[in-house]
Amino acid sequence: MPVTIEHMPWIGEDAVEAVWDAEVTERVKDVEEGRVTLISGAELQRGTDALFAELGINRLA
């Protein structure tokens, strides 16, 4: 069973939102400053297909 905020009433929803906002801000900053590169879904799929083929793993469609 996943743990949700309802399981931790001592943690306020505002605190969770603040942490989430800080995380998103950091990820956006990573992209803006060139530390990470966004790729398309199609590019990700091609790379995953190639890796699975290299490893000899049959993917289910």
N, C-alpha and C. Protein backbone atom coordinates (compact mmCIF):
# COMPACT_ATOMS: atom_id res chain seq x y z
N MET A 1 0.85 -1.18 0.00
CA MET A 1 0.00 0.00 0.00
C MET A 1 0.89 1.24 0.00
N PRO A 2 0.67 2.15 -0.93
CA PRO A 2 1.49 3.37 -0.97
C PRO A 2 1.21 4.26 0.24
N VAL A 3 2.23 4.96 0.67
CA VAL A 3 2.08 5.90 1.76
C VAL A 3 1.66 7.24 1.18
N THR A 4 0.61 7.79 1.73
CA THR A 4 0.11 9.09 1.27
C THR A 4 0.10 10.06 2.44
N ILE A 5 -0.18 11.28 2.13
CA ILE A 5 -0.21 12.32 3.16
C ILE A 5 -1.24 12.00 4.25
N GLU A 6 -2.28 11.26 3.89
CA GLU A 6 -3.29 10.90 4.88
C GLU A 6 -2.70 10.00 5.97
N HIS A 7 -1.62 9.27 5.64
CA HIS A 7 -0.97 8.39 6.61
C HIS A 7 -0.04 9.16 7.55
N MET A 8 0.19 10.42 7.24
CA MET A 8 1.11 11.23 8.04
C MET A 8 0.46 12.57 8.38
N PRO A 9 -0.54 12.56 9.22
CA PRO A 9 -1.26 13.81 9.50
C PRO A 9 -0.41 14.89 10.15
N TRP A 10 0.73 14.53 10.70
CA TRP A 10 1.60 15.52 11.33
C TRP A 10 2.35 16.36 10.28
N ILE A 11 2.34 15.91 9.03
CA ILE A 11 2.96 16.68 7.95
C ILE A 11 1.86 17.47 7.25
N GLY A 12 1.96 18.75 7.30
CA GLY A 12 0.94 19.59 6.70
C GLY A 12 1.00 19.58 5.19
N GLU A 13 -0.15 19.74 4.58
CA GLU A 13 -0.23 19.76 3.11
C GLU A 13 0.61 20.90 2.54
N ASP A 14 0.66 22.02 3.23
CA ASP A 14 1.46 23.15 2.76
C ASP A 14 2.95 22.79 2.72
N ALA A 15 3.40 22.02 3.70
CA ALA A 15 4.81 21.60 3.73
C ALA A 15 5.11 20.68 2.55
N VAL A 16 4.20 19.79 2.25
CA VAL A 16 4.39 18.88 1.12
C VAL A 16 4.44 19.67 -0.17
N GLU A 17 3.53 20.62 -0.33
CA GLU A 17 3.51 21.45 -1.53
C GLU A 17 4.80 22.25 -1.67
N ALA A 18 5.32 22.76 -0.56
CA ALA A 18 6.56 23.55 -0.59
C ALA A 18 7.74 22.69 -1.05
N VAL A 19 7.82 21.47 -0.54
CA VAL A 19 8.90 20.56 -0.95
C VAL A 19 8.76 20.21 -2.43
N TRP A 20 7.54 19.92 -2.84
CA TRP A 20 7.30 19.58 -4.25
C TRP A 20 7.67 20.77 -5.15
N ASP A 21 7.26 21.97 -4.79
CA ASP A 21 7.57 23.16 -5.58
C ASP A 21 9.09 23.36 -5.68
N ALA A 22 9.80 23.15 -4.58
CA ALA A 22 11.26 23.29 -4.59
C ALA A 22 11.90 22.27 -5.52
N GLU A 23 11.39 21.05 -5.51
CA GLU A 23 11.92 20.00 -6.38
C GLU A 23 11.70 20.35 -7.85
N VAL A 24 10.50 20.80 -8.18
CA VAL A 24 10.19 21.19 -9.56
C VAL A 24 11.08 22.36 -9.98
N THR A 25 11.26 23.32 -9.12
CA THR A 25 12.10 24.48 -9.42
C THR A 25 13.53 24.05 -9.73
N GLU A 26 14.06 23.11 -8.94
CA GLU A 26 15.41 22.60 -9.18
C GLU A 26 15.51 21.87 -10.52
N ARG A 27 14.51 21.08 -10.86
CA ARG A 27 14.52 20.35 -12.14
C ARG A 27 14.46 21.32 -13.31
N VAL A 28 13.66 22.36 -13.21
CA VAL A 28 13.58 23.37 -14.27
C VAL A 28 14.92 24.07 -14.40
N LYS A 29 15.53 24.39 -13.29
CA LYS A 29 16.85 25.04 -13.28
C LYS A 29 17.89 24.15 -13.96
N ASP A 30 17.84 22.85 -13.71
CA ASP A 30 18.77 21.91 -14.36
C ASP A 30 18.64 21.99 -15.88
N VAL A 31 17.42 22.06 -16.38
CA VAL A 31 17.19 22.14 -17.82
C VAL A 31 17.67 23.49 -18.35
N GLU A 32 17.29 24.56 -17.67
CA GLU A 32 17.65 25.91 -18.12
C GLU A 32 19.16 26.12 -18.16
N GLU A 33 19.87 25.52 -17.21
CA GLU A 33 21.32 25.70 -17.13
C GLU A 33 22.09 24.64 -17.92
N GLY A 34 21.37 23.78 -18.64
CA GLY A 34 22.02 22.81 -19.52
C GLY A 34 22.63 21.61 -18.83
N ARG A 35 22.29 21.36 -17.58
CA ARG A 35 22.84 20.18 -16.89
C ARG A 35 22.14 18.89 -17.31
N VAL A 36 20.93 19.02 -17.84
CA VAL A 36 20.21 17.87 -18.38
C VAL A 36 19.60 18.28 -19.72
N THR A 37 19.31 17.29 -20.54
CA THR A 37 18.71 17.55 -21.83
C THR A 37 17.41 16.79 -21.92
N LEU A 38 16.37 17.47 -22.33
CA LEU A 38 15.09 16.81 -22.52
C LEU A 38 15.10 16.12 -23.87
N ILE A 39 14.51 14.92 -23.94
CA ILE A 39 14.40 14.20 -25.20
C ILE A 39 12.93 13.87 -25.44
N SER A 40 12.62 13.62 -26.69
CA SER A 40 11.24 13.30 -27.03
C SER A 40 10.91 11.87 -26.59
N GLY A 41 9.63 11.60 -26.51
CA GLY A 41 9.20 10.24 -26.19
C GLY A 41 9.65 9.24 -27.23
N ALA A 42 9.63 9.67 -28.50
CA ALA A 42 10.07 8.79 -29.59
C ALA A 42 11.55 8.45 -29.46
N GLU A 43 12.36 9.44 -29.09
CA GLU A 43 13.79 9.21 -28.91
C GLU A 43 14.04 8.26 -27.73
N LEU A 44 13.30 8.45 -26.67
CA LEU A 44 13.41 7.55 -25.52
C LEU A 44 13.04 6.12 -25.93
N GLN A 45 11.97 5.99 -26.69
CA GLN A 45 11.52 4.66 -27.14
C GLN A 45 12.58 3.99 -28.01
N ARG A 46 13.18 4.74 -28.94
CA ARG A 46 14.24 4.18 -29.78
C ARG A 46 15.42 3.70 -28.95
N GLY A 47 15.82 4.50 -27.99
CA GLY A 47 16.95 4.13 -27.14
C GLY A 47 16.64 2.90 -26.30
N THR A 48 15.43 2.85 -25.78
CA THR A 48 15.02 1.69 -24.98
C THR A 48 14.96 0.44 -25.85
N ASP A 49 14.40 0.56 -27.04
CA ASP A 49 14.34 -0.57 -27.97
C ASP A 49 15.75 -1.08 -28.29
N ALA A 50 16.67 -0.16 -28.55
CA ALA A 50 18.04 -0.54 -28.89
C ALA A 50 18.72 -1.24 -27.71
N LEU A 51 18.52 -0.74 -26.51
CA LEU A 51 19.11 -1.35 -25.32
C LEU A 51 18.57 -2.75 -25.10
N PHE A 52 17.26 -2.92 -25.21
CA PHE A 52 16.67 -4.24 -25.03
C PHE A 52 17.18 -5.21 -26.09
N ALA A 53 17.28 -4.74 -27.33
CA ALA A 53 17.79 -5.60 -28.40
C ALA A 53 19.24 -6.01 -28.11
N GLU A 54 20.04 -5.07 -27.66
CA GLU A 54 21.43 -5.34 -27.33
C GLU A 54 21.55 -6.38 -26.22
N LEU A 55 20.63 -6.33 -25.28
CA LEU A 55 20.63 -7.27 -24.16
C LEU A 55 19.91 -8.58 -24.47
N GLY A 56 19.32 -8.65 -25.66
CA GLY A 56 18.62 -9.87 -26.07
C GLY A 56 17.28 -10.06 -25.36
N ILE A 57 16.67 -8.97 -24.96
CA ILE A 57 15.40 -9.04 -24.24
C ILE A 57 14.27 -8.76 -25.23
N ASN A 58 13.30 -9.65 -25.29
CA ASN A 58 12.13 -9.44 -26.13
C ASN A 58 11.14 -8.57 -25.38
N ARG A 59 10.79 -7.45 -25.99
CA ARG A 59 9.83 -6.54 -25.37
C ARG A 59 8.43 -6.90 -25.76
N LEU A 60 7.53 -6.76 -24.84
CA LEU A 60 6.10 -6.95 -25.13
C LEU A 60 5.54 -5.63 -25.61
N ALA A 61 4.76 -5.69 -26.67
CA ALA A 61 4.20 -4.45 -27.22
C ALA A 61 2.96 -4.04 -26.48
